[in-house]
C-alpha atoms as a PDB file:
ATOM      1  CA  ASP A   1     -79.632 -98.454  40.518  1.00  0.00           C
ATOM      2  CA  PRO A   2     -78.785 -98.932  44.247  1.00  0.00           C
ATOM      3  CA  SER A   3     -75.129 -99.009  43.313  1.00  0.00           C
ATOM      4  CA  SER A   4     -75.092 -95.466  41.773  1.00  0.00           C
ATOM      5  CA  LYS A   5     -73.662 -92.687  43.898  1.00  0.00           C
ATOM      6  CA  MET A   6     -76.769 -90.567  42.793  1.00  0.00           C
ATOM      7  CA  HIS A   7     -78.847 -93.093  44.562  1.00  0.00           C
ATOM      8  CA  SER A   8     -77.176 -92.830  47.853  1.00  0.00           C
ATOM      9  CA  SER A   9     -76.734 -88.993  47.687  1.00  0.00           C
ATOM     10  CA  PRO A  10     -79.880 -87.007  48.353  1.00  0.00           C
ATOM     11  CA  LYS A  11     -80.472 -84.501  45.622  1.00  0.00           C
ATOM     12  CA  LEU A  12     -83.742 -83.034  46.447  1.00  0.00           C
ATOM     13  CA  LYS A  13     -85.799 -82.424  49.636  1.00  0.00           C
ATOM     14  CA  LEU A  14     -89.399 -81.695  48.470  1.00  0.00           C
ATOM     15  CA  GLN A  15     -91.587 -80.302  51.224  1.00  0.00           C
ATOM     16  CA  VAL A  16     -95.331 -80.396  50.432  1.00  0.00           C
ATOM     17  CA  LEU A  17     -97.406 -77.864  52.230  1.00  0.00           C
ATOM     18  CA  MET A  18    -100.616 -78.802  53.596  1.00  0.00           C
ATOM     19  CA  GLY A  19    -103.726 -76.805  53.143  1.00  0.00           C
ATOM     20  CA  GLU A  20    -104.610 -74.201  50.600  1.00  0.00           C
ATOM     21  CA  SER A  21    -101.859 -72.619  48.601  1.00  0.00           C
ATOM     22  CA  ASN A  22    -101.868 -68.668  49.639  1.00  0.00           C
ATOM     23  CA  PRO A  23     -98.274 -67.489  49.444  1.00  0.00           C
ATOM     24  CA  GLN A  24     -97.537 -64.016  50.939  1.00  0.00           C
ATOM     25  CA  ALA A  25     -94.552 -63.419  48.828  1.00  0.00           C
ATOM     26  CA  PHE A  26     -92.751 -64.548  45.688  1.00  0.00           C
ATOM     27  CA  LEU A  27     -89.011 -65.137  46.202  1.00  0.00           C
ATOM     28  CA  GLU A  28     -86.662 -65.395  43.160  1.00  0.00           C
ATOM     29  CA  VAL A  29     -83.411 -67.042  44.146  1.00  0.00           C
ATOM     30  CA  SER A  30     -80.092 -66.971  42.111  1.00  0.00           C
ATOM     31  CA  CYS A  31     -76.731 -68.542  42.771  1.00  0.00           C
ATOM     32  CA  SER A  32     -73.280 -67.128  42.348  1.00  0.00           C
ATOM     33  CA  GLY A  33     -70.470 -68.784  40.415  1.00  0.00           C
ATOM     34  CA  GLN A  34     -69.254 -70.650  43.606  1.00  0.00           C
ATOM     35  CA  CYS A  35     -72.692 -72.417  44.093  1.00  0.00           C
ATOM     36  CA  LYS A  36     -72.900 -73.067  40.385  1.00  0.00           C
ATOM     37  CA  ASP A  37     -69.279 -74.582  40.173  1.00  0.00           C
ATOM     38  CA  LYS A  38     -70.232 -76.990  42.871  1.00  0.00           C
ATOM     39  CA  ALA A  39     -73.718 -77.673  41.399  1.00  0.00           C
ATOM     40  CA  ALA A  40     -75.232 -76.630  44.778  1.00  0.00           C
ATOM     41  CA  ALA A  41     -78.174 -74.546  45.852  1.00  0.00           C
ATOM     42  CA  PRO A  42     -79.260 -73.197  49.089  1.00  0.00           C
ATOM     43  CA  MET A  43     -82.204 -75.042  50.868  1.00  0.00           C
ATOM     44  CA  LEU A  44     -84.976 -72.570  51.712  1.00  0.00           C
ATOM     45  CA  LYS A  45     -87.982 -73.115  53.890  1.00  0.00           C
ATOM     46  CA  PRO A  46     -91.200 -72.068  52.005  1.00  0.00           C
ATOM     47  CA  GLN A  47     -93.145 -71.766  55.209  1.00  0.00           C
ATOM     48  CA  GLU A  48     -92.325 -70.502  58.603  1.00  0.00           C
ATOM     49  CA  GLY A  49     -94.754 -69.751  61.451  1.00  0.00           C
ATOM     50  CA  GLY A  50     -97.800 -69.879  59.296  1.00  0.00           C
ATOM     51  CA  GLN A  51     -96.413 -67.582  56.549  1.00  0.00           C
ATOM     52  CA  ALA A  52     -95.906 -69.167  53.137  1.00  0.00           C
ATOM     53  CA  VAL A  53     -93.564 -67.869  50.413  1.00  0.00           C
ATOM     54  CA  PHE A  54     -93.474 -69.169  46.764  1.00  0.00           C
ATOM     55  CA  VAL A  55     -89.796 -69.950  46.031  1.00  0.00           C
ATOM     56  CA  SER A  56     -88.543 -69.949  42.567  1.00  0.00           C
ATOM     57  CA  HIS A  57     -84.892 -71.122  42.149  1.00  0.00           C
ATOM     58  CA  LEU A  58     -84.160 -71.139  38.527  1.00  0.00           C
ATOM     59  CA  ASP A  59     -80.495 -72.221  38.888  1.00  0.00           C
ATOM     60  CA  ALA A  60     -81.340 -75.186  40.939  1.00  0.00           C
ATOM     61  CA  ALA A  61     -84.202 -76.292  38.603  1.00  0.00           C
ATOM     62  CA  SER A  62     -81.963 -76.015  35.593  1.00  0.00           C
ATOM     63  CA  LEU A  63     -79.321 -77.983  37.261  1.00  0.00           C
ATOM     64  CA  ARG A  64     -81.741 -80.719  37.978  1.00  0.00           C
ATOM     65  CA  ARG A  65     -82.996 -80.540  34.316  1.00  0.00           C
ATOM     66  CA  GLN A  66     -79.518 -80.855  33.265  1.00  0.00           C
ATOM     67  CA  GLU A  67     -79.031 -84.189  35.221  1.00  0.00           C
ATOM     68  CA  LEU A  68     -82.326 -85.501  33.932  1.00  0.00           C
ATOM     69  CA  ALA A  69     -81.408 -84.649  30.253  1.00  0.00           C
ATOM     70  CA  ALA A  70     -78.082 -86.475  30.593  1.00  0.00           C
ATOM     71  CA  PHE A  71     -79.753 -89.400  32.017  1.00  0.00           C
ATOM     72  CA  PHE A  72     -82.432 -89.670  29.235  1.00  0.00           C
ATOM     73  CA  ALA A  73     -79.638 -89.083  26.578  1.00  0.00           C
ATOM     74  CA  LYS A  74     -77.550 -91.872  28.039  1.00  0.00           C
ATOM     75  CA  MET A  75     -80.605 -94.144  28.118  1.00  0.00           C
ATOM     76  CA  SER A  76     -81.527 -93.315  24.540  1.00  0.00           C
ATOM     77  CA  ARG A  77     -78.201 -94.729  23.185  1.00  0.00           C
ATOM     78  CA  VAL A  78     -79.604 -98.148  23.275  1.00  0.00           C
ATOM     79  CA  THR A  79     -82.841 -97.221  21.531  1.00  0.00           C
ATOM     80  CA  PRO A  80     -83.550 -96.449  17.924  1.00  0.00           C
ATOM     81  CA  ARG A  81     -84.691 -92.900  18.802  1.00  0.00           C
ATOM     82  CA  LYS A  82     -81.811 -90.778  20.200  1.00  0.00           C
ATOM     83  CA  ILE A  83     -82.036 -87.745  22.446  1.00  0.00           C
ATOM     84  CA  ASN A  84     -79.736 -84.827  22.313  1.00  0.00           C
ATOM     85  CA  GLN A  85     -78.799 -83.883  25.789  1.00  0.00           C
ATOM     86  CA  LYS A  86     -78.382 -80.130  25.092  1.00  0.00           C
ATOM     87  CA  SER A  87     -81.614 -79.742  23.214  1.00  0.00           C
ATOM     88  CA  LEU A  88     -83.599 -81.637  25.840  1.00  0.00           C
ATOM     89  CA  HIS A  89     -82.158 -79.534  28.618  1.00  0.00           C
ATOM     90  CA  ALA A  90     -82.983 -76.390  26.620  1.00  0.00           C
ATOM     91  CA  ARG A  91     -86.565 -77.521  26.115  1.00  0.00           C
ATOM     92  CA  MET A  92     -87.100 -78.495  29.608  1.00  0.00           C
ATOM     93  CA  ASP A  93     -85.835 -75.051  30.798  1.00  0.00           C
ATOM     94  CA  ARG A  94     -88.294 -73.216  28.430  1.00  0.00           C
ATOM     95  CA  HIS A  95     -91.211 -75.400  29.617  1.00  0.00           C
ATOM     96  CA  GLY A  96     -90.120 -74.572  33.198  1.00  0.00           C
ATOM     97  CA  LEU A  97     -90.142 -70.869  32.513  1.00  0.00           C
ATOM     98  CA  LEU A  98     -93.542 -70.970  30.882  1.00  0.00           C
ATOM     99  CA  ALA A  99     -94.938 -72.960  33.816  1.00  0.00           C
ATOM    100  CA  LEU A 100     -93.331 -70.369  36.186  1.00  0.00           C
ATOM    101  CA  GLU A 101     -94.862 -67.711  34.300  1.00  0.00           C
ATOM    102  CA  THR A 102     -98.427 -69.280  34.504  1.00  0.00           C
ATOM    103  CA  THR A 103     -97.957 -69.936  38.241  1.00  0.00           C
ATOM    104  CA  GLY A 104     -96.594 -66.457  38.995  1.00  0.00           C
ATOM    105  CA  SER A 105     -99.599 -64.767  37.193  1.00  0.00           C
ATOM    106  CA  ARG A 106    -101.999 -66.972  39.145  1.00  0.00           C
ATOM    107  CA  ILE A 107    -100.638 -65.848  42.641  1.00  0.00           C
ATOM    108  CA  ALA A 108    -100.004 -62.223  41.732  1.00  0.00           C
END
């Protein structure tokens, strides 16, 4: 929806790295209360000068999942099958943690 404020405000910058994935480090990022209160997260460069880092930002990912859960719960109001926002958000977070565990074990 072009009239939505979410449409005009960038929420994510996804940088896809070229070449083979071979990170030299795993970086786990967490936000303080001030960032969480503003629903903000720091932008980090996963690559600099030929050195790659796997960046995991659980707080930022969960915030985005919360937005998605709210969107799908709202859209489900006009369908026969309703979606509970809190349970969808919890399920997406759980699946995200499982995927992170799988990815982390592959690059370790």
